[in-house]
Amino acid sequence: MNMAEGDTLISMDYEVFGKVQGVFFRKYTQAESKRLGLVGWVKNTDQGTVQGQLQGPISKVRRMQEWLETEGSPKSHIDRVNFHNEKVILKLDYSDFQIIK
């Protein structure tokens, strides 16, 4: 992958299934996203999942996807993650990464 490709901005929605509520999943997701320099949001759903949106350089979004699928918070148990609505964007819609209550 060349540098230009790695710098392309993308936006992607995600939903994480498993034991992801009550285990600080949102807090860890926010911390990891900020560490990678991504923006977006994360929230709990009434269905017991965690949903959100990631925006940033494609290479960093890919790293965050992997984190969501394999790591999460220490006490979480991730069954699966659905990623959807991936698209290239010209500018970020958010200035930081927020936890939505």
PDB file of N, CA and C in Angstrom:
ATOM      1  N   MET A   1       0.855  -1.190   0.000  1.00  0.00           N
ATOM      2  CA  MET A   1       0.000   0.000   0.000  1.00  0.00           C
ATOM      3  C   MET A   1       0.892   1.242   0.000  1.00  0.00           C
ATOM      4  N   ASN A   2       0.648   2.155  -0.897  1.00  0.00           N
ATOM      5  CA  ASN A   2       1.467   3.365  -0.906  1.00  0.00           C
ATOM      6  C   ASN A   2       0.945   4.370   0.113  1.00  0.00           C
ATOM      7  N   MET A   3       1.732   5.392   0.382  1.00  0.00           N
ATOM      8  CA  MET A   3       1.374   6.362   1.423  1.00  0.00           C
ATOM      9  C   MET A   3       0.063   7.058   1.120  1.00  0.00           C
ATOM     10  N   ALA A   4      -0.141   7.447  -0.127  1.00  0.00           N
ATOM     11  CA  ALA A   4      -1.351   8.181  -0.473  1.00  0.00           C
ATOM     12  C   ALA A   4      -2.595   7.361  -0.149  1.00  0.00           C
ATOM     13  N   GLU A   5      -2.524   6.074  -0.443  1.00  0.00           N
ATOM     14  CA  GLU A   5      -3.650   5.199  -0.177  1.00  0.00           C
ATOM     15  C   GLU A   5      -3.926   5.105   1.324  1.00  0.00           C
ATOM     16  N   GLY A   6      -2.850   5.040   2.108  1.00  0.00           N
ATOM     17  CA  GLY A   6      -2.982   4.944   3.550  1.00  0.00           C
ATOM     18  C   GLY A   6      -3.554   6.195   4.181  1.00  0.00           C
ATOM     19  N   ASP A   7      -3.456   7.312   3.474  1.00  0.00           N
ATOM     20  CA  ASP A   7      -3.941   8.581   4.007  1.00  0.00           C
ATOM     21  C   ASP A   7      -5.369   8.907   3.573  1.00  0.00           C
ATOM     22  N   THR A   8      -5.940   8.084   2.708  1.00  0.00           N
ATOM     23  CA  THR A   8      -7.322   8.313   2.279  1.00  0.00           C
ATOM     24  C   THR A   8      -8.228   8.259   3.499  1.00  0.00           C
ATOM     25  N   LEU A   9      -9.113   9.246   3.634  1.00  0.00           N
ATOM     26  CA  LEU A   9     -10.035   9.262   4.770  1.00  0.00           C
ATOM     27  C   LEU A   9     -11.250   8.404   4.462  1.00  0.00           C
ATOM     28  N   ILE A  10     -11.623   7.567   5.420  1.00  0.00           N
ATOM     29  CA  ILE A  10     -12.843   6.786   5.254  1.00  0.00           C
ATOM     30  C   ILE A  10     -13.716   6.917   6.496  1.00  0.00           C
ATOM     31  N   SER A  11     -14.978   6.611   6.296  1.00  0.00           N
ATOM     32  CA  SER A  11     -15.959   6.573   7.376  1.00  0.00           C
ATOM     33  C   SER A  11     -16.573   5.186   7.375  1.00  0.00           C
ATOM     34  N   MET A  12     -16.813   4.642   8.553  1.00  0.00           N
ATOM     35  CA  MET A  12     -17.357   3.296   8.642  1.00  0.00           C
ATOM     36  C   MET A  12     -18.184   3.149   9.901  1.00  0.00           C
ATOM     37  N   ASP A  13     -19.332   2.491   9.778  1.00  0.00           N
ATOM     38  CA  ASP A  13     -20.160   2.186  10.939  1.00  0.00           C
ATOM     39  C   ASP A  13     -19.829   0.784  11.423  1.00  0.00           C
ATOM     40  N   TYR A  14     -20.042   0.544  12.713  1.00  0.00           N
ATOM     41  CA  TYR A  14     -19.771  -0.782  13.262  1.00  0.00           C
ATOM     42  C   TYR A  14     -20.764  -1.121  14.354  1.00  0.00           C
ATOM     43  N   GLU A  15     -20.947  -2.419  14.559  1.00  0.00           N
ATOM     44  CA  GLU A  15     -21.753  -2.915  15.674  1.00  0.00           C
ATOM     45  C   GLU A  15     -21.052  -4.145  16.237  1.00  0.00           C
ATOM     46  N   VAL A  16     -20.806  -4.121  17.541  1.00  0.00           N
ATOM     47  CA  VAL A  16     -20.071  -5.199  18.203  1.00  0.00           C
ATOM     48  C   VAL A  16     -21.040  -6.043  19.022  1.00  0.00           C
ATOM     49  N   PHE A  17     -20.993  -7.362  18.794  1.00  0.00           N
ATOM     50  CA  PHE A  17     -21.868  -8.307  19.488  1.00  0.00           C
ATOM     51  C   PHE A  17     -21.057  -9.123  20.484  1.00  0.00           C
ATOM     52  N   GLY A  18     -21.683  -9.492  21.594  1.00  0.00           N
ATOM     53  CA  GLY A  18     -21.014 -10.285  22.627  1.00  0.00           C
ATOM     54  C   GLY A  18     -21.240  -9.646  23.979  1.00  0.00           C
ATOM     55  N   LYS A  19     -20.327  -9.923  24.903  1.00  0.00           N
ATOM     56  CA  LYS A  19     -20.417  -9.287  26.222  1.00  0.00           C
ATOM     57  C   LYS A  19     -19.648  -7.979  26.143  1.00  0.00           C
ATOM     58  N   VAL A  20     -20.361  -6.926  25.735  1.00  0.00           N
ATOM     59  CA  VAL A  20     -19.689  -5.651  25.473  1.00  0.00           C
ATOM     60  C   VAL A  20     -20.319  -4.484  26.240  1.00  0.00           C
ATOM     61  N   GLN A  21     -21.277  -4.779  27.100  1.00  0.00           N
ATOM     62  CA  GLN A  21     -21.843  -3.727  27.952  1.00  0.00           C
ATOM     63  C   GLN A  21     -21.525  -4.037  29.405  1.00  0.00           C
ATOM     64  N   GLY A  22     -21.257  -2.977  30.177  1.00  0.00           N
ATOM     65  CA  GLY A  22     -20.904  -3.152  31.578  1.00  0.00           C
ATOM     66  C   GLY A  22     -19.471  -3.619  31.773  1.00  0.00           C
ATOM     67  N   VAL A  23     -18.652  -3.521  30.728  1.00  0.00           N
ATOM     68  CA  VAL A  23     -17.249  -3.960  30.805  1.00  0.00           C
ATOM     69  C   VAL A  23     -16.296  -2.866  30.300  1.00  0.00           C
ATOM     70  N   PHE A  24     -16.774  -1.612  30.377  1.00  0.00           N
ATOM     71  CA  PHE A  24     -15.980  -0.446  29.965  1.00  0.00           C
ATOM     72  C   PHE A  24     -15.582  -0.484  28.488  1.00  0.00           C
ATOM     73  N   PHE A  25     -16.394  -1.165  27.676  1.00  0.00           N
ATOM     74  CA  PHE A  25     -16.065  -1.293  26.253  1.00  0.00           C
ATOM     75  C   PHE A  25     -16.013   0.069  25.566  1.00  0.00           C
ATOM     76  N   ARG A  26     -16.986   0.923  25.863  1.00  0.00           N
ATOM     77  CA  ARG A  26     -17.008   2.242  25.211  1.00  0.00           C
ATOM     78  C   ARG A  26     -15.797   3.076  25.596  1.00  0.00           C
ATOM     79  N   LYS A  27     -15.439   3.033  26.887  1.00  0.00           N
ATOM     80  CA  LYS A  27     -14.296   3.810  27.364  1.00  0.00           C
ATOM     81  C   LYS A  27     -13.001   3.358  26.683  1.00  0.00           C
ATOM     82  N   TYR A  28     -12.809   2.049  26.579  1.00  0.00           N
ATOM     83  CA  TYR A  28     -11.609   1.518  25.919  1.00  0.00           C
ATOM     84  C   TYR A  28     -11.625   1.821  24.419  1.00  0.00           C
ATOM     85  N   THR A  29     -12.808   1.748  23.809  1.00  0.00           N
ATOM     86  CA  THR A  29     -12.928   2.062  22.381  1.00  0.00           C
ATOM     87  C   THR A  29     -12.559   3.520  22.133  1.00  0.00           C
ATOM     88  N   GLN A  30     -13.042   4.395  22.999  1.00  0.00           N
ATOM     89  CA  GLN A  30     -12.712   5.819  22.879  1.00  0.00           C
ATOM     90  C   GLN A  30     -11.202   6.035  23.036  1.00  0.00           C
ATOM     91  N   ALA A  31     -10.616   5.395  24.035  1.00  0.00           N
ATOM     92  CA  ALA A  31      -9.175   5.571  24.286  1.00  0.00           C
ATOM     93  C   ALA A  31      -8.338   5.073  23.111  1.00  0.00           C
ATOM     94  N   GLU A  32      -8.699   3.898  22.575  1.00  0.00           N
ATOM     95  CA  GLU A  32      -7.944   3.328  21.452  1.00  0.00           C
ATOM     96  C   GLU A  32      -8.111   4.180  20.195  1.00  0.00           C
ATOM     97  N   SER A  33      -9.322   4.659  19.953  1.00  0.00           N
ATOM     98  CA  SER A  33      -9.566   5.520  18.791  1.00  0.00           C
ATOM     99  C   SER A  33      -8.744   6.797  18.881  1.00  0.00           C
ATOM    100  N   LYS A  34      -8.713   7.396  20.064  1.00  0.00           N
ATOM    101  CA  LYS A  34      -7.937   8.623  20.246  1.00  0.00           C
ATOM    102  C   LYS A  34      -6.451   8.346  20.081  1.00  0.00           C
ATOM    103  N   ARG A  35      -5.997   7.194  20.574  1.00  0.00           N
ATOM    104  CA  ARG A  35      -4.584   6.831  20.440  1.00  0.00           C
ATOM    105  C   ARG A  35      -4.198   6.732  18.964  1.00  0.00           C
ATOM    106  N   LEU A  36      -5.126   6.206  18.156  1.00  0.00           N
ATOM    107  CA  LEU A  36      -4.873   6.059  16.720  1.00  0.00           C
ATOM    108  C   LEU A  36      -5.139   7.351  15.941  1.00  0.00           C
ATOM    109  N   GLY A  37      -5.730   8.329  16.597  1.00  0.00           N
ATOM    110  CA  GLY A  37      -6.031   9.586  15.923  1.00  0.00           C
ATOM    111  C   GLY A  37      -7.309   9.543  15.109  1.00  0.00           C
ATOM    112  N   LEU A  38      -8.234   8.656  15.492  1.00  0.00           N
ATOM    113  CA  LEU A  38      -9.516   8.561  14.785  1.00  0.00           C
ATOM    114  C   LEU A  38     -10.566   9.413  15.488  1.00  0.00           C
ATOM    115  N   VAL A  39     -11.598   9.769  14.741  1.00  0.00           N
ATOM    116  CA  VAL A  39     -12.734  10.483  15.318  1.00  0.00           C
ATOM    117  C   VAL A  39     -13.991   9.668  15.079  1.00  0.00           C
ATOM    118  N   GLY A  40     -15.067  10.030  15.783  1.00  0.00           N
ATOM    119  CA  GLY A  40     -16.338   9.328  15.631  1.00  0.00           C
ATOM    120  C   GLY A  40     -17.046   9.234  16.959  1.00  0.00           C
ATOM    121  N   TRP A  41     -17.750   8.120  17.137  1.00  0.00           N
ATOM    122  CA  TRP A  41     -18.525   7.958  18.374  1.00  0.00           C
ATOM    123  C   TRP A  41     -18.795   6.486  18.653  1.00  0.00           C
ATOM    124  N   VAL A  42     -19.237   6.211  19.885  1.00  0.00           N
ATOM    125  CA  VAL A  42     -19.590   4.858  20.305  1.00  0.00           C
ATOM    126  C   VAL A  42     -20.733   4.972  21.312  1.00  0.00           C
ATOM    127  N   LYS A  43     -21.656   4.008  21.279  1.00  0.00           N
ATOM    128  CA  LYS A  43     -22.765   4.007  22.238  1.00  0.00           C
ATOM    129  C   LYS A  43     -23.262   2.582  22.466  1.00  0.00           C
ATOM    130  N   ASN A  44     -23.910   2.391  23.615  1.00  0.00           N
ATOM    131  CA  ASN A  44     -24.589   1.134  23.894  1.00  0.00           C
ATOM    132  C   ASN A  44     -25.946   1.143  23.199  1.00  0.00           C
ATOM    133  N   THR A  45     -26.431  -0.032  22.801  1.00  0.00           N
ATOM    134  CA  THR A  45     -27.779  -0.136  22.233  1.00  0.00           C
ATOM    135  C   THR A  45     -28.671  -0.884  23.218  1.00  0.00           C
ATOM    136  N   ASP A  46     -29.969  -0.794  22.997  1.00  0.00           N
ATOM    137  CA  ASP A  46     -30.933  -1.517  23.839  1.00  0.00           C
ATOM    138  C   ASP A  46     -30.863  -3.019  23.605  1.00  0.00           C
ATOM    139  N   GLN A  47     -30.214  -3.438  22.511  1.00  0.00           N
ATOM    140  CA  GLN A  47     -30.104  -4.862  22.186  1.00  0.00           C
ATOM    141  C   GLN A  47     -28.882  -5.515  22.841  1.00  0.00           C
ATOM    142  N   GLY A  48     -28.125  -4.731  23.619  1.00  0.00           N
ATOM    143  CA  GLY A  48     -26.966  -5.292  24.292  1.00  0.00           C
ATOM    144  C   GLY A  48     -25.694  -5.258  23.465  1.00  0.00           C
ATOM    145  N   THR A  49     -25.742  -4.558  22.340  1.00  0.00           N
ATOM    146  CA  THR A  49     -24.555  -4.426  21.503  1.00  0.00           C
ATOM    147  C   THR A  49     -23.956  -3.030  21.693  1.00  0.00           C
ATOM    148  N   VAL A  50     -22.832  -2.803  21.052  1.00  0.00           N
ATOM    149  CA  VAL A  50     -22.214  -1.480  21.026  1.00  0.00           C
ATOM    150  C   VAL A  50     -22.131  -1.066  19.559  1.00  0.00           C
ATOM    151  N   GLN A  51     -22.597   0.144  19.276  1.00  0.00           N
ATOM    152  CA  GLN A  51     -22.564   0.661  17.904  1.00  0.00           C
ATOM    153  C   GLN A  51     -21.745   1.932  17.859  1.00  0.00           C
ATOM    154  N   GLY A  52     -21.259   2.242  16.671  1.00  0.00           N
ATOM    155  CA  GLY A  52     -20.542   3.498  16.538  1.00  0.00           C
ATOM    156  C   GLY A  52     -20.109   3.768  15.115  1.00  0.00           C
ATOM    157  N   GLN A  53     -19.314   4.806  14.989  1.00  0.00           N
ATOM    158  CA  GLN A  53     -18.780   5.192  13.688  1.00  0.00           C
ATOM    159  C   GLN A  53     -17.326   5.583  13.858  1.00  0.00           C
ATOM    160  N   LEU A  54     -16.507   5.152  12.909  1.00  0.00           N
ATOM    161  CA  LEU A  54     -15.086   5.498  12.880  1.00  0.00           C
ATOM    162  C   LEU A  54     -14.827   6.369  11.662  1.00  0.00           C
ATOM    163  N   GLN A  55     -13.977   7.366  11.826  1.00  0.00           N
ATOM    164  CA  GLN A  55     -13.527   8.163  10.690  1.00  0.00           C
ATOM    165  C   GLN A  55     -12.051   8.471  10.860  1.00  0.00           C
ATOM    166  N   GLY A  56     -11.327   8.374   9.756  1.00  0.00           N
ATOM    167  CA  GLY A  56      -9.907   8.701   9.784  1.00  0.00           C
ATOM    168  C   GLY A  56      -9.193   8.071   8.608  1.00  0.00           C
ATOM    169  N   PRO A  57      -7.848   8.134   8.619  1.00  0.00           N
ATOM    170  CA  PRO A  57      -7.059   7.535   7.541  1.00  0.00           C
ATOM    171  C   PRO A  57      -7.321   6.029   7.464  1.00  0.00           C
ATOM    172  N   ILE A  58      -7.413   5.511   6.264  1.00  0.00           N
ATOM    173  CA  ILE A  58      -7.818   4.114   6.058  1.00  0.00           C
ATOM    174  C   ILE A  58      -6.932   3.139   6.830  1.00  0.00           C
ATOM    175  N   SER A  59      -5.627   3.385   6.891  1.00  0.00           N
ATOM    176  CA  SER A  59      -4.726   2.454   7.579  1.00  0.00           C
ATOM    177  C   SER A  59      -5.040   2.387   9.075  1.00  0.00           C
ATOM    178  N   LYS A  60      -5.402   3.523   9.655  1.00  0.00           N
ATOM    179  CA  LYS A  60      -5.713   3.548  11.089  1.00  0.00           C
ATOM    180  C   LYS A  60      -7.095   2.971  11.371  1.00  0.00           C
ATOM    181  N   VAL A  61      -8.037   3.208  10.463  1.00  0.00           N
ATOM    182  CA  VAL A  61      -9.370   2.603  10.619  1.00  0.00           C
ATOM    183  C   VAL A  61      -9.245   1.080  10.565  1.00  0.00           C
ATOM    184  N   ARG A  62      -8.394   0.566   9.667  1.00  0.00           N
ATOM    185  CA  ARG A  62      -8.180  -0.890   9.574  1.00  0.00           C
ATOM    186  C   ARG A  62      -7.618  -1.445  10.879  1.00  0.00           C
ATOM    187  N   ARG A  63      -6.693  -0.702  11.504  1.00  0.00           N
ATOM    188  CA  ARG A  63      -6.134  -1.146  12.783  1.00  0.00           C
ATOM    189  C   ARG A  63      -7.210  -1.170  13.853  1.00  0.00           C
ATOM    190  N   MET A  64      -8.096  -0.162  13.832  1.00  0.00           N
ATOM    191  CA  MET A  64      -9.172  -0.101  14.819  1.00  0.00           C
ATOM    192  C   MET A  64     -10.180  -1.227  14.597  1.00  0.00           C
ATOM    193  N   GLN A  65     -10.426  -1.569  13.329  1.00  0.00           N
ATOM    194  CA  GLN A  65     -11.325  -2.696  13.033  1.00  0.00           C
ATOM    195  C   GLN A  65     -10.780  -3.967  13.677  1.00  0.00           C
ATOM    196  N   GLU A  66      -9.496  -4.176  13.516  1.00  0.00           N
ATOM    197  CA  GLU A  66      -8.859  -5.364  14.081  1.00  0.00           C
ATOM    198  C   GLU A  66      -8.972  -5.352  15.608  1.00  0.00           C
ATOM    199  N   TRP A  67      -8.764  -4.180  16.215  1.00  0.00           N
ATOM    200  CA  TRP A  67      -8.874  -4.045  17.663  1.00  0.00           C
ATOM    201  C   TRP A  67     -10.296  -4.392  18.123  1.00  0.00           C
ATOM    202  N   LEU A  68     -11.298  -3.884  17.393  1.00  0.00           N
ATOM    203  CA  LEU A  68     -12.692  -4.154  17.755  1.00  0.00           C
ATOM    204  C   LEU A  68     -13.016  -5.642  17.649  1.00  0.00           C
ATOM    205  N   GLU A  69     -12.417  -6.322  16.682  1.00  0.00           N
ATOM    206  CA  GLU A  69     -12.698  -7.748  16.465  1.00  0.00           C
ATOM    207  C   GLU A  69     -11.950  -8.652  17.432  1.00  0.00           C
ATOM    208  N   THR A  70     -10.748  -8.230  17.862  1.00  0.00           N
ATOM    209  CA  THR A  70      -9.889  -9.156  18.601  1.00  0.00           C
ATOM    210  C   THR A  70      -9.596  -8.754  20.038  1.00  0.00           C
ATOM    211  N   GLU A  71      -9.673  -7.454  20.353  1.00  0.00           N
ATOM    212  CA  GLU A  71      -9.269  -7.023  21.693  1.00  0.00           C
ATOM    213  C   GLU A  71     -10.415  -6.501  22.532  1.00  0.00           C
ATOM    214  N   GLY A  72     -10.899  -5.312  22.219  1.00  0.00           N
ATOM    215  CA  GLY A  72     -11.937  -4.716  23.050  1.00  0.00           C
ATOM    216  C   GLY A  72     -11.406  -4.410  24.436  1.00  0.00           C
ATOM    217  N   SER A  73     -12.297  -4.298  25.402  1.00  0.00           N
ATOM    218  CA  SER A  73     -11.861  -4.031  26.779  1.00  0.00           C
ATOM    219  C   SER A  73     -11.484  -5.354  27.443  1.00  0.00           C
ATOM    220  N   PRO A  74     -10.668  -5.278  28.508  1.00  0.00           N
ATOM    221  CA  PRO A  74     -10.166  -6.518  29.135  1.00  0.00           C
ATOM    222  C   PRO A  74     -11.251  -7.521  29.541  1.00  0.00           C
ATOM    223  N   LYS A  75     -12.403  -7.054  30.026  1.00  0.00           N
ATOM    224  CA  LYS A  75     -13.434  -7.981  30.496  1.00  0.00           C
ATOM    225  C   LYS A  75     -14.507  -8.298  29.441  1.00  0.00           C
ATOM    226  N   SER A  76     -14.346  -7.733  28.268  1.00  0.00           N
ATOM    227  CA  SER A  76     -15.350  -7.979  27.221  1.00  0.00           C
ATOM    228  C   SER A  76     -15.127  -9.343  26.575  1.00  0.00           C
ATOM    229  N   HIS A  77     -16.178  -9.843  25.945  1.00  0.00           N
ATOM    230  CA  HIS A  77     -16.075 -11.060  25.135  1.00  0.00           C
ATOM    231  C   HIS A  77     -16.765 -10.760  23.810  1.00  0.00           C
ATOM    232  N   ILE A  78     -15.977 -10.667  22.738  1.00  0.00           N
ATOM    233  CA  ILE A  78     -16.504 -10.263  21.431  1.00  0.00           C
ATOM    234  C   ILE A  78     -16.893 -11.497  20.632  1.00  0.00           C
ATOM    235  N   ASP A  79     -18.165 -11.598  20.266  1.00  0.00           N
ATOM    236  CA  ASP A  79     -18.621 -12.701  19.414  1.00  0.00           C
ATOM    237  C   ASP A  79     -18.371 -12.382  17.952  1.00  0.00           C
ATOM    238  N   ARG A  80     -18.786 -11.193  17.536  1.00  0.00           N
ATOM    239  CA  ARG A  80     -18.565 -10.786  16.152  1.00  0.00           C
ATOM    240  C   ARG A  80     -18.753  -9.278  16.036  1.00  0.00           C
ATOM    241  N   VAL A  81     -18.262  -8.738  14.932  1.00  0.00           N
ATOM    242  CA  VAL A  81     -18.419  -7.317  14.649  1.00  0.00           C
ATOM    243  C   VAL A  81     -18.930  -7.172  13.224  1.00  0.00           C
ATOM    244  N   ASN A  82     -19.962  -6.375  13.059  1.00  0.00           N
ATOM    245  CA  ASN A  82     -20.448  -6.051  11.715  1.00  0.00           C
ATOM    246  C   ASN A  82     -19.939  -4.662  11.352  1.00  0.00           C
ATOM    247  N   PHE A  83     -19.264  -4.574  10.211  1.00  0.00           N
ATOM    248  CA  PHE A  83     -18.827  -3.282   9.681  1.00  0.00           C
ATOM    249  C   PHE A  83     -19.671  -2.993   8.449  1.00  0.00           C
ATOM    250  N   HIS A  84     -20.184  -1.774   8.336  1.00  0.00           N
ATOM    251  CA  HIS A  84     -20.997  -1.438   7.170  1.00  0.00           C
ATOM    252  C   HIS A  84     -20.902   0.060   6.857  1.00  0.00           C
ATOM    253  N   ASN A  85     -21.456   0.425   5.709  1.00  0.00           N
ATOM    254  CA  ASN A  85     -21.453   1.825   5.244  1.00  0.00           C
ATOM    255  C   ASN A  85     -20.056   2.410   5.109  1.00  0.00           C
ATOM    256  N   GLU A  86     -19.095   1.581   4.681  1.00  0.00           N
ATOM    257  CA  GLU A  86     -17.747   2.116   4.489  1.00  0.00           C
ATOM    258  C   GLU A  86     -17.727   3.002   3.255  1.00  0.00           C
ATOM    259  N   LYS A  87     -17.177   4.209   3.406  1.00  0.00           N
ATOM    260  CA  LYS A  87     -17.083   5.105   2.255  1.00  0.00           C
ATOM    261  C   LYS A  87     -15.922   6.068   2.418  1.00  0.00           C
ATOM    262  N   VAL A  88     -15.386   6.482   1.288  1.00  0.00           N
ATOM    263  CA  VAL A  88     -14.320   7.479   1.289  1.00  0.00           C
ATOM    264  C   VAL A  88     -14.956   8.843   1.552  1.00  0.00           C
ATOM    265  N   ILE A  89     -14.323   9.624   2.412  1.00  0.00           N
ATOM    266  CA  ILE A  89     -14.826  10.967   2.718  1.00  0.00           C
ATOM    267  C   ILE A  89     -13.719  11.986   2.448  1.00  0.00           C
ATOM    268  N   LEU A  90     -14.125  13.223   2.186  1.00  0.00           N
ATOM    269  CA  LEU A  90     -13.151  14.277   1.894  1.00  0.00           C
ATOM    270  C   LEU A  90     -12.685  14.966   3.161  1.00  0.00           C
ATOM    271  N   LYS A  91     -13.570  15.029   4.165  1.00  0.00           N
ATOM    272  CA  LYS A  91     -13.181  15.625   5.441  1.00  0.00           C
ATOM    273  C   LYS A  91     -13.900  14.921   6.578  1.00  0.00           C
ATOM    274  N   LEU A  92     -13.334  15.041   7.768  1.00  0.00           N
ATOM    275  CA  LEU A  92     -13.915  14.399   8.948  1.00  0.00           C
ATOM    276  C   LEU A  92     -15.177  15.142   9.393  1.00  0.00           C
ATOM    277  N   ASP A  93     -16.177  14.386   9.840  1.00  0.00           N
ATOM    278  CA  ASP A  93     -17.422  14.983  10.325  1.00  0.00           C
ATOM    279  C   ASP A  93     -17.360  15.341  11.803  1.00  0.00           C
ATOM    280  N   TYR A  94     -16.343  14.837  12.503  1.00  0.00           N
ATOM    281  CA  TYR A  94     -16.242  15.057  13.946  1.00  0.00           C
ATOM    282  C   TYR A  94     -14.869  15.625  14.282  1.00  0.00           C
ATOM    283  N   SER A  95     -14.776  16.269  15.444  1.00  0.00           N
ATOM    284  CA  SER A  95     -13.488  16.820  15.860  1.00  0.00           C
ATOM    285  C   SER A  95     -12.791  15.915  16.868  1.00  0.00           C
ATOM    286  N   ASP A  96     -13.546  14.986  17.461  1.00  0.00           N
ATOM    287  CA  ASP A  96     -12.936  14.046  18.389  1.00  0.00           C
ATOM    288  C   ASP A  96     -13.751  12.756  18.426  1.00  0.00           C
ATOM    289  N   PHE A  97     -13.447  11.885  19.388  1.00  0.00           N
ATOM    290  CA  PHE A  97     -14.163  10.620  19.512  1.00  0.00           C
ATOM    291  C   PHE A  97     -14.971  10.655  20.794  1.00  0.00           C
ATOM    292  N   GLN A  98     -16.283  10.552  20.675  1.00  0.00           N
ATOM    293  CA  GLN A  98     -17.164  10.719  21.821  1.00  0.00           C
ATOM    294  C   GLN A  98     -17.907   9.453  22.207  1.00  0.00           C
ATOM    295  N   ILE A  99     -18.166   9.344  23.497  1.00  0.00           N
ATOM    296  CA  ILE A  99     -19.067   8.304  24.004  1.00  0.00           C
ATOM    297  C   ILE A  99     -20.443   8.939  24.100  1.00  0.00           C
ATOM    298  N   ILE A 100     -21.415   8.347  23.416  1.00  0.00           N
ATOM    299  CA  ILE A 100     -22.787   8.844  23.453  1.00  0.00           C
ATOM    300  C   ILE A 100     -23.554   8.044  24.489  1.00  0.00           C
ATOM    301  N   LYS A 101     -24.174   8.741  25.421  1.00  0.00           N
ATOM    302  CA  LYS A 101     -24.923   8.048  26.476  1.00  0.00           C
ATOM    303  C   LYS A 101     -26.302   7.659  25.980  1.00  0.00           C
TER     304      LYS A 101
END
